[in-house]
Amino acid sequence: MPDPLVFPDTSPRHDLPFLFAGQAQKEMFVNEAFARLDLLAQPSVVAELAAPPADPQPGQCWLVGQQASGNWSGADGCLAGWIAGAWHIVHPTPGMTVWDTATGQRLTWDGSWRRPVPPPLPAGGTTIDSEARTALAQLFQALREAGILPAP
């Protein structure tokens, strides 16, 4: 018979609490795991802030800015979600993406949050090709609608 698996206290990627046989108040650990999963499943942030908002609504999530203060102190770059009257801090992992509702674009974590920077629209030059400029404008618009580039 193989040896049983031995789990640590939490999951390695998102720090979700594991349950153990004979553990008291298992519902607390399960509810905490569900709360964290609620923040992580297709994450969406209201905006980026360095200090917690005064009146957060249940389920809202923010990207913690640099030099965070208050309850977010030391959580620079993390996600902070308001659930059950408390802040839940989630540390990002490489490849994680979030939707920033303030800017309408996707952000990707690779050690820091990356926001795509739009190239400048074509301007100037001695020969103006209106068809090429129209095609480029349509491409930029499609990239904005896909959440890759921010709105102008």
N, C-alpha and C. Protein backbone atom coordinates (compact mmCIF):
# COMPACT_ATOMS: atom_id res chain seq x y z
N MET A 1 0.84 -1.17 0.00
CA MET A 1 0.00 0.00 0.00
C MET A 1 0.90 1.24 0.00
N PRO A 2 0.61 2.21 -0.90
CA PRO A 2 1.46 3.41 -0.96
C PRO A 2 1.23 4.30 0.27
N ASP A 3 2.27 5.06 0.58
CA ASP A 3 2.16 6.01 1.69
C ASP A 3 1.16 7.11 1.33
N PRO A 4 0.42 7.60 2.33
CA PRO A 4 -0.53 8.69 2.04
C PRO A 4 0.21 9.97 1.68
N LEU A 5 -0.44 10.80 0.90
CA LEU A 5 0.14 12.09 0.53
C LEU A 5 0.14 12.99 1.76
N VAL A 6 1.19 13.76 1.90
CA VAL A 6 1.29 14.71 3.00
C VAL A 6 1.24 16.10 2.40
N PHE A 7 0.23 16.86 2.78
CA PHE A 7 0.05 18.20 2.25
C PHE A 7 0.57 19.24 3.23
N PRO A 8 1.06 20.36 2.72
CA PRO A 8 1.40 21.48 3.61
C PRO A 8 0.10 22.14 4.11
N ASP A 9 0.22 23.20 4.85
CA ASP A 9 -0.97 23.89 5.38
C ASP A 9 -1.77 24.60 4.29
N THR A 10 -1.08 25.08 3.25
CA THR A 10 -1.74 25.85 2.19
C THR A 10 -1.24 25.41 0.82
N SER A 11 -2.02 25.76 -0.22
CA SER A 11 -1.61 25.43 -1.58
C SER A 11 -0.42 26.30 -1.99
N PRO A 12 0.46 25.78 -2.84
CA PRO A 12 1.68 26.52 -3.17
C PRO A 12 1.49 27.77 -4.02
N ARG A 13 0.52 27.80 -4.91
CA ARG A 13 0.38 28.95 -5.82
C ARG A 13 -0.41 30.09 -5.23
N HIS A 14 -1.56 29.80 -4.63
CA HIS A 14 -2.44 30.88 -4.19
C HIS A 14 -2.72 30.87 -2.69
N ASP A 15 -1.97 30.08 -1.95
CA ASP A 15 -2.05 30.09 -0.49
C ASP A 15 -3.45 29.74 0.02
N LEU A 16 -4.15 28.83 -0.68
CA LEU A 16 -5.47 28.40 -0.25
C LEU A 16 -5.32 27.41 0.91
N PRO A 17 -6.11 27.55 1.97
CA PRO A 17 -5.95 26.66 3.12
C PRO A 17 -6.45 25.24 2.82
N PHE A 18 -5.69 24.24 3.26
CA PHE A 18 -6.10 22.85 3.13
C PHE A 18 -6.81 22.41 4.41
N LEU A 19 -7.65 21.40 4.28
CA LEU A 19 -8.33 20.80 5.43
C LEU A 19 -7.56 19.57 5.89
N PHE A 20 -7.67 19.27 7.17
CA PHE A 20 -7.03 18.09 7.73
C PHE A 20 -8.04 17.31 8.55
N ALA A 21 -7.84 16.02 8.65
CA ALA A 21 -8.72 15.17 9.44
C ALA A 21 -8.74 15.67 10.89
N GLY A 22 -9.91 15.72 11.45
CA GLY A 22 -10.05 16.13 12.84
C GLY A 22 -9.91 17.62 13.07
N GLN A 23 -9.85 18.38 12.02
CA GLN A 23 -9.67 19.84 12.14
C GLN A 23 -10.96 20.49 12.64
N ALA A 24 -10.84 21.36 13.62
CA ALA A 24 -12.00 22.06 14.15
C ALA A 24 -12.41 23.20 13.22
N GLN A 25 -13.67 23.50 13.17
CA GLN A 25 -14.23 24.61 12.39
C GLN A 25 -13.76 24.58 10.93
N LYS A 26 -13.95 23.45 10.28
CA LYS A 26 -13.52 23.29 8.89
C LYS A 26 -14.20 24.31 7.98
N GLU A 27 -15.43 24.70 8.34
CA GLU A 27 -16.15 25.65 7.49
C GLU A 27 -15.39 26.97 7.35
N MET A 28 -14.64 27.36 8.37
CA MET A 28 -13.87 28.61 8.30
C MET A 28 -12.79 28.51 7.22
N PHE A 29 -12.12 27.37 7.14
CA PHE A 29 -11.07 27.17 6.16
C PHE A 29 -11.64 27.06 4.75
N VAL A 30 -12.77 26.35 4.64
CA VAL A 30 -13.42 26.22 3.34
C VAL A 30 -13.92 27.58 2.86
N ASN A 31 -14.54 28.36 3.74
CA ASN A 31 -15.04 29.68 3.36
C ASN A 31 -13.90 30.61 2.97
N GLU A 32 -12.79 30.53 3.69
CA GLU A 32 -11.63 31.36 3.32
C GLU A 32 -11.12 30.97 1.93
N ALA A 33 -11.05 29.68 1.66
CA ALA A 33 -10.61 29.22 0.34
C ALA A 33 -11.55 29.71 -0.76
N PHE A 34 -12.87 29.62 -0.51
CA PHE A 34 -13.84 30.10 -1.50
C PHE A 34 -13.72 31.61 -1.71
N ALA A 35 -13.49 32.35 -0.64
CA ALA A 35 -13.33 33.80 -0.77
C ALA A 35 -12.13 34.13 -1.63
N ARG A 36 -11.03 33.44 -1.42
CA ARG A 36 -9.82 33.68 -2.21
C ARG A 36 -10.03 33.27 -3.67
N LEU A 37 -10.73 32.13 -3.87
CA LEU A 37 -11.02 31.71 -5.23
C LEU A 37 -11.92 32.70 -5.94
N ASP A 38 -12.85 33.31 -5.20
CA ASP A 38 -13.74 34.31 -5.77
C ASP A 38 -12.93 35.50 -6.30
N LEU A 39 -11.85 35.85 -5.61
CA LEU A 39 -10.99 36.94 -6.07
C LEU A 39 -10.15 36.52 -7.28
N LEU A 40 -9.77 35.23 -7.33
CA LEU A 40 -8.84 34.75 -8.34
C LEU A 40 -9.49 34.29 -9.64
N ALA A 41 -10.74 33.88 -9.60
CA ALA A 41 -11.40 33.39 -10.81
C ALA A 41 -11.77 34.58 -11.68
N GLN A 42 -11.13 34.71 -12.81
CA GLN A 42 -11.31 35.83 -13.73
C GLN A 42 -11.26 37.16 -12.99
N PRO A 43 -10.12 37.47 -12.38
CA PRO A 43 -10.04 38.67 -11.53
C PRO A 43 -10.26 39.97 -12.29
N SER A 44 -10.94 40.86 -11.61
CA SER A 44 -11.23 42.19 -12.14
C SER A 44 -10.98 43.18 -11.01
N VAL A 45 -10.23 44.25 -11.30
CA VAL A 45 -9.94 45.25 -10.28
C VAL A 45 -10.67 46.54 -10.61
N VAL A 46 -11.07 47.26 -9.54
CA VAL A 46 -11.74 48.54 -9.70
C VAL A 46 -10.75 49.57 -10.22
N ALA A 47 -9.56 49.58 -9.63
CA ALA A 47 -8.51 50.52 -10.01
C ALA A 47 -7.26 50.16 -9.24
N GLU A 48 -6.21 50.95 -9.41
CA GLU A 48 -4.98 50.79 -8.64
C GLU A 48 -4.91 51.89 -7.60
N LEU A 49 -4.73 51.50 -6.33
CA LEU A 49 -4.63 52.45 -5.23
C LEU A 49 -3.49 52.04 -4.32
N ALA A 50 -2.91 53.01 -3.61
CA ALA A 50 -1.86 52.71 -2.64
C ALA A 50 -2.40 52.61 -1.23
N ALA A 51 -3.63 53.05 -1.01
CA ALA A 51 -4.27 52.98 0.32
C ALA A 51 -5.68 52.45 0.15
N PRO A 52 -6.17 51.69 1.11
CA PRO A 52 -7.52 51.14 1.00
C PRO A 52 -8.57 52.24 0.88
N PRO A 53 -9.60 52.01 0.05
CA PRO A 53 -10.68 53.00 -0.06
C PRO A 53 -11.47 53.08 1.24
N ALA A 54 -12.12 54.21 1.45
CA ALA A 54 -12.86 54.44 2.71
C ALA A 54 -14.10 53.56 2.82
N ASP A 55 -14.79 53.29 1.71
CA ASP A 55 -16.06 52.57 1.77
C ASP A 55 -16.11 51.47 0.71
N PRO A 56 -15.32 50.39 0.87
CA PRO A 56 -15.35 49.33 -0.14
C PRO A 56 -16.65 48.55 -0.09
N GLN A 57 -17.05 48.03 -1.23
CA GLN A 57 -18.24 47.21 -1.32
C GLN A 57 -17.83 45.73 -1.35
N PRO A 58 -18.65 44.84 -0.80
CA PRO A 58 -18.31 43.42 -0.80
C PRO A 58 -18.00 42.91 -2.20
N GLY A 59 -16.89 42.19 -2.33
CA GLY A 59 -16.49 41.61 -3.60
C GLY A 59 -15.62 42.50 -4.47
N GLN A 60 -15.50 43.78 -4.12
CA GLN A 60 -14.64 44.66 -4.92
C GLN A 60 -13.18 44.31 -4.67
N CYS A 61 -12.37 44.52 -5.71
CA CYS A 61 -10.96 44.17 -5.65
C CYS A 61 -10.14 45.31 -6.25
N TRP A 62 -8.99 45.58 -5.67
CA TRP A 62 -8.09 46.62 -6.15
C TRP A 62 -6.70 46.06 -6.37
N LEU A 63 -5.98 46.71 -7.25
CA LEU A 63 -4.56 46.44 -7.43
C LEU A 63 -3.85 47.35 -6.45
N VAL A 64 -3.03 46.78 -5.58
CA VAL A 64 -2.34 47.57 -4.56
C VAL A 64 -1.13 48.26 -5.21
N GLY A 65 -1.11 49.58 -5.14
CA GLY A 65 -0.05 50.36 -5.74
C GLY A 65 1.24 50.36 -4.91
N GLN A 66 2.23 51.03 -5.43
CA GLN A 66 3.53 51.13 -4.75
C GLN A 66 3.41 51.95 -3.47
N GLN A 67 4.26 51.64 -2.51
CA GLN A 67 4.29 52.32 -1.21
C GLN A 67 2.91 52.27 -0.54
N ALA A 68 2.35 51.07 -0.53
CA ALA A 68 1.01 50.88 0.05
C ALA A 68 1.01 51.23 1.53
N SER A 69 -0.14 51.69 1.99
CA SER A 69 -0.26 52.11 3.39
C SER A 69 -1.51 51.52 4.02
N GLY A 70 -1.66 51.75 5.31
CA GLY A 70 -2.83 51.27 6.03
C GLY A 70 -2.86 49.75 6.07
N ASN A 71 -4.04 49.18 5.92
CA ASN A 71 -4.19 47.72 5.93
C ASN A 71 -3.48 47.04 4.76
N TRP A 72 -3.07 47.80 3.78
CA TRP A 72 -2.38 47.25 2.62
C TRP A 72 -0.86 47.38 2.73
N SER A 73 -0.36 47.89 3.81
CA SER A 73 1.08 48.10 3.97
C SER A 73 1.84 46.79 3.72
N GLY A 74 2.85 46.88 2.86
CA GLY A 74 3.65 45.70 2.53
C GLY A 74 3.06 44.82 1.45
N ALA A 75 1.93 45.20 0.88
CA ALA A 75 1.26 44.37 -0.13
C ALA A 75 1.38 44.98 -1.53
N ASP A 76 2.42 45.77 -1.78
CA ASP A 76 2.62 46.39 -3.09
C ASP A 76 2.51 45.35 -4.21
N GLY A 77 1.72 45.65 -5.24
CA GLY A 77 1.58 44.77 -6.39
C GLY A 77 0.57 43.64 -6.20
N CYS A 78 0.06 43.46 -5.02
CA CYS A 78 -0.90 42.38 -4.75
C CYS A 78 -2.31 42.81 -5.15
N LEU A 79 -3.22 41.86 -5.10
CA LEU A 79 -4.64 42.14 -5.25
C LEU A 79 -5.23 42.20 -3.84
N ALA A 80 -6.09 43.17 -3.60
CA ALA A 80 -6.75 43.30 -2.30
C ALA A 80 -8.25 43.29 -2.53
N GLY A 81 -8.92 42.29 -1.97
CA GLY A 81 -10.36 42.17 -2.12
C GLY A 81 -11.06 42.32 -0.79
N TRP A 82 -12.22 42.97 -0.81
CA TRP A 82 -13.01 43.20 0.40
C TRP A 82 -14.10 42.13 0.46
N ILE A 83 -13.93 41.18 1.38
CA ILE A 83 -14.89 40.08 1.52
C ILE A 83 -15.15 39.86 3.00
N ALA A 84 -16.42 39.75 3.35
CA ALA A 84 -16.86 39.46 4.72
C ALA A 84 -16.30 40.47 5.72
N GLY A 85 -16.23 41.74 5.30
CA GLY A 85 -15.80 42.80 6.19
C GLY A 85 -14.32 42.84 6.48
N ALA A 86 -13.52 42.19 5.63
CA ALA A 86 -12.07 42.17 5.84
C ALA A 86 -11.35 42.18 4.51
N TRP A 87 -10.11 42.64 4.55
CA TRP A 87 -9.26 42.64 3.35
C TRP A 87 -8.62 41.27 3.18
N HIS A 88 -8.69 40.74 1.98
CA HIS A 88 -8.01 39.50 1.62
C HIS A 88 -6.95 39.88 0.59
N ILE A 89 -5.71 39.62 0.92
CA ILE A 89 -4.59 39.97 0.05
C ILE A 89 -4.17 38.73 -0.71
N VAL A 90 -4.04 38.86 -2.03
CA VAL A 90 -3.62 37.76 -2.90
C VAL A 90 -2.34 38.18 -3.60
N HIS A 91 -1.29 37.37 -3.45
CA HIS A 91 -0.03 37.64 -4.13
C HIS A 91 -0.11 37.10 -5.55
N PRO A 92 0.23 37.90 -6.55
CA PRO A 92 0.14 37.42 -7.94
C PRO A 92 1.22 36.39 -8.24
N THR A 93 0.94 35.56 -9.23
CA THR A 93 1.89 34.56 -9.70
C THR A 93 2.19 34.85 -11.17
N PRO A 94 3.37 34.44 -11.66
CA PRO A 94 3.72 34.72 -13.06
C PRO A 94 2.66 34.23 -14.04
N GLY A 95 2.29 35.11 -14.96
CA GLY A 95 1.29 34.79 -15.97
C GLY A 95 -0.13 35.18 -15.58
N MET A 96 -0.34 35.58 -14.33
CA MET A 96 -1.68 35.98 -13.89
C MET A 96 -2.12 37.22 -14.66
N THR A 97 -3.37 37.25 -15.07
CA THR A 97 -3.92 38.43 -15.72
C THR A 97 -5.12 38.92 -14.93
N VAL A 98 -5.33 40.23 -14.96
CA VAL A 98 -6.50 40.84 -14.34
C VAL A 98 -7.08 41.84 -15.33
N TRP A 99 -8.36 42.10 -15.17
CA TRP A 99 -9.03 43.12 -15.97
C TRP A 99 -9.11 44.38 -15.13
N ASP A 100 -8.59 45.48 -15.63
CA ASP A 100 -8.64 46.77 -14.95
C ASP A 100 -9.85 47.53 -15.50
N THR A 101 -10.93 47.61 -14.71
CA THR A 101 -12.14 48.25 -15.20
C THR A 101 -11.96 49.75 -15.37
N ALA A 102 -11.01 50.36 -14.65
CA ALA A 102 -10.77 51.80 -14.77
C ALA A 102 -10.18 52.16 -16.12
N THR A 103 -9.31 51.30 -16.65
CA THR A 103 -8.65 51.60 -17.93
C THR A 103 -9.21 50.76 -19.08
N GLY A 104 -9.97 49.70 -18.76
CA GLY A 104 -10.52 48.85 -19.81
C GLY A 104 -9.47 48.02 -20.51
N GLN A 105 -8.48 47.52 -19.76
CA GLN A 105 -7.46 46.70 -20.39
C GLN A 105 -6.99 45.59 -19.44
N ARG A 106 -6.35 44.59 -20.04
CA ARG A 106 -5.78 43.49 -19.28
C ARG A 106 -4.39 43.85 -18.80
N LEU A 107 -4.08 43.40 -17.60
CA LEU A 107 -2.74 43.55 -17.05
C LEU A 107 -2.19 42.15 -16.81
N THR A 108 -0.90 41.98 -17.02
CA THR A 108 -0.27 40.67 -16.82
C THR A 108 0.88 40.81 -15.84
N TRP A 109 1.00 39.84 -14.93
CA TRP A 109 2.06 39.84 -13.92
C TRP A 109 3.24 39.03 -14.41
N ASP A 110 4.42 39.63 -14.37
CA ASP A 110 5.67 38.90 -14.65
C ASP A 110 6.78 39.43 -13.73
N GLY A 111 6.42 39.64 -12.49
CA GLY A 111 7.31 40.26 -11.52
C GLY A 111 6.85 41.67 -11.18
N SER A 112 6.08 42.24 -12.10
CA SER A 112 5.36 43.50 -11.89
C SER A 112 4.19 43.47 -12.88
N TRP A 113 3.21 44.34 -12.66
CA TRP A 113 2.06 44.37 -13.56
C TRP A 113 2.44 45.11 -14.83
N ARG A 114 2.20 44.48 -15.97
CA ARG A 114 2.53 45.06 -17.28
C ARG A 114 1.26 45.54 -17.95
N ARG A 115 1.30 46.80 -18.37
CA ARG A 115 0.21 47.38 -19.15
C ARG A 115 0.75 47.63 -20.55
N PRO A 116 0.05 47.16 -21.57
CA PRO A 116 0.51 47.42 -22.92
C PRO A 116 0.54 48.93 -23.20
N VAL A 117 1.57 49.36 -23.86
CA VAL A 117 1.71 50.77 -24.22
C VAL A 117 1.38 50.91 -25.70
N PRO A 118 0.42 51.76 -26.04
CA PRO A 118 0.05 51.88 -27.45
C PRO A 118 1.11 52.62 -28.25
N PRO A 119 1.34 52.17 -29.47
CA PRO A 119 2.24 52.92 -30.33
C PRO A 119 1.54 54.21 -30.78
N PRO A 120 2.32 55.21 -31.17
CA PRO A 120 1.67 56.45 -31.62
C PRO A 120 0.93 56.23 -32.94
N LEU A 121 -0.16 56.97 -33.11
CA LEU A 121 -0.88 56.92 -34.38
C LEU A 121 -0.01 57.56 -35.45
N PRO A 122 -0.11 57.08 -36.68
CA PRO A 122 0.70 57.66 -37.74
C PRO A 122 0.36 59.14 -37.96
N ALA A 123 1.38 59.93 -38.13
CA ALA A 123 1.19 61.36 -38.38
C ALA A 123 2.41 61.87 -39.13
N GLY A 124 2.22 62.93 -39.88
CA GLY A 124 3.34 63.56 -40.57
C GLY A 124 3.75 62.80 -41.81
N GLY A 125 4.94 63.10 -42.28
CA GLY A 125 5.45 62.49 -43.50
C GLY A 125 5.06 63.31 -44.72
N THR A 126 5.78 63.10 -45.79
CA THR A 126 5.49 63.87 -47.01
C THR A 126 4.43 63.21 -47.87
N THR A 127 4.29 61.88 -47.77
CA THR A 127 3.27 61.16 -48.53
C THR A 127 2.30 60.55 -47.54
N ILE A 128 1.03 60.87 -47.68
CA ILE A 128 0.02 60.34 -46.77
C ILE A 128 -0.80 59.30 -47.52
N ASP A 129 -0.78 58.10 -47.02
CA ASP A 129 -1.55 57.01 -47.60
C ASP A 129 -2.79 56.82 -46.71
N SER A 130 -3.91 57.35 -47.16
CA SER A 130 -5.12 57.32 -46.34
C SER A 130 -5.62 55.90 -46.10
N GLU A 131 -5.44 54.98 -47.06
CA GLU A 131 -5.88 53.60 -46.86
C GLU A 131 -5.05 52.92 -45.77
N ALA A 132 -3.75 53.16 -45.76
CA ALA A 132 -2.89 52.56 -44.74
C ALA A 132 -3.23 53.13 -43.36
N ARG A 133 -3.48 54.44 -43.30
CA ARG A 133 -3.84 55.04 -42.02
C ARG A 133 -5.19 54.52 -41.52
N THR A 134 -6.12 54.32 -42.43
CA THR A 134 -7.42 53.76 -42.04
C THR A 134 -7.25 52.34 -41.51
N ALA A 135 -6.44 51.54 -42.18
CA ALA A 135 -6.20 50.17 -41.74
C ALA A 135 -5.54 50.15 -40.36
N LEU A 136 -4.56 51.03 -40.14
CA LEU A 136 -3.89 51.10 -38.84
C LEU A 136 -4.86 51.56 -37.76
N ALA A 137 -5.70 52.53 -38.06
CA ALA A 137 -6.68 53.01 -37.08
C ALA A 137 -7.64 51.88 -36.71
N GLN A 138 -8.05 51.07 -37.68
CA GLN A 138 -8.93 49.94 -37.41
C GLN A 138 -8.22 48.89 -36.55
N LEU A 139 -6.94 48.66 -36.81
CA LEU A 139 -6.15 47.73 -36.02
C LEU A 139 -6.04 48.22 -34.57
N PHE A 140 -5.73 49.49 -34.38
CA PHE A 140 -5.65 50.05 -33.03
C PHE A 140 -6.99 49.93 -32.31
N GLN A 141 -8.07 50.19 -33.01
CA GLN A 141 -9.40 50.08 -32.40
C GLN A 141 -9.69 48.65 -31.99
N ALA A 142 -9.33 47.69 -32.82
CA ALA A 142 -9.55 46.27 -32.49
C ALA A 142 -8.73 45.88 -31.26
N LEU A 143 -7.51 46.38 -31.15
CA LEU A 143 -6.67 46.09 -29.99
C LEU A 143 -7.24 46.73 -28.73
N ARG A 144 -7.85 47.91 -28.86
CA ARG A 144 -8.50 48.54 -27.71
C ARG A 144 -9.72 47.73 -27.26
N GLU A 145 -10.52 47.30 -28.22
CA GLU A 145 -11.72 46.52 -27.90
C GLU A 145 -11.38 45.19 -27.28
N ALA A 146 -10.21 44.62 -27.61
CA ALA A 146 -9.78 43.36 -27.02
C ALA A 146 -9.15 43.56 -25.65
N GLY A 147 -9.03 44.82 -25.23
CA GLY A 147 -8.45 45.10 -23.92
C GLY A 147 -6.94 45.05 -23.90
N ILE A 148 -6.32 45.05 -25.07
CA ILE A 148 -4.87 44.99 -25.15
C ILE A 148 -4.27 46.38 -25.02
N LEU A 149 -4.86 47.35 -25.69
CA LEU A 149 -4.41 48.73 -25.61
C LEU A 149 -5.43 49.56 -24.86
N PRO A 150 -4.98 50.58 -24.11
CA PRO A 150 -5.94 51.43 -23.41
C PRO A 150 -6.66 52.36 -24.37
N ALA A 151 -7.80 52.85 -23.96
CA ALA A 151 -8.54 53.82 -24.76
C ALA A 151 -7.74 55.12 -24.83
N PRO A 152 -7.86 55.85 -25.94
CA PRO A 152 -7.08 57.09 -26.06
C PRO A 152 -7.55 58.16 -25.10
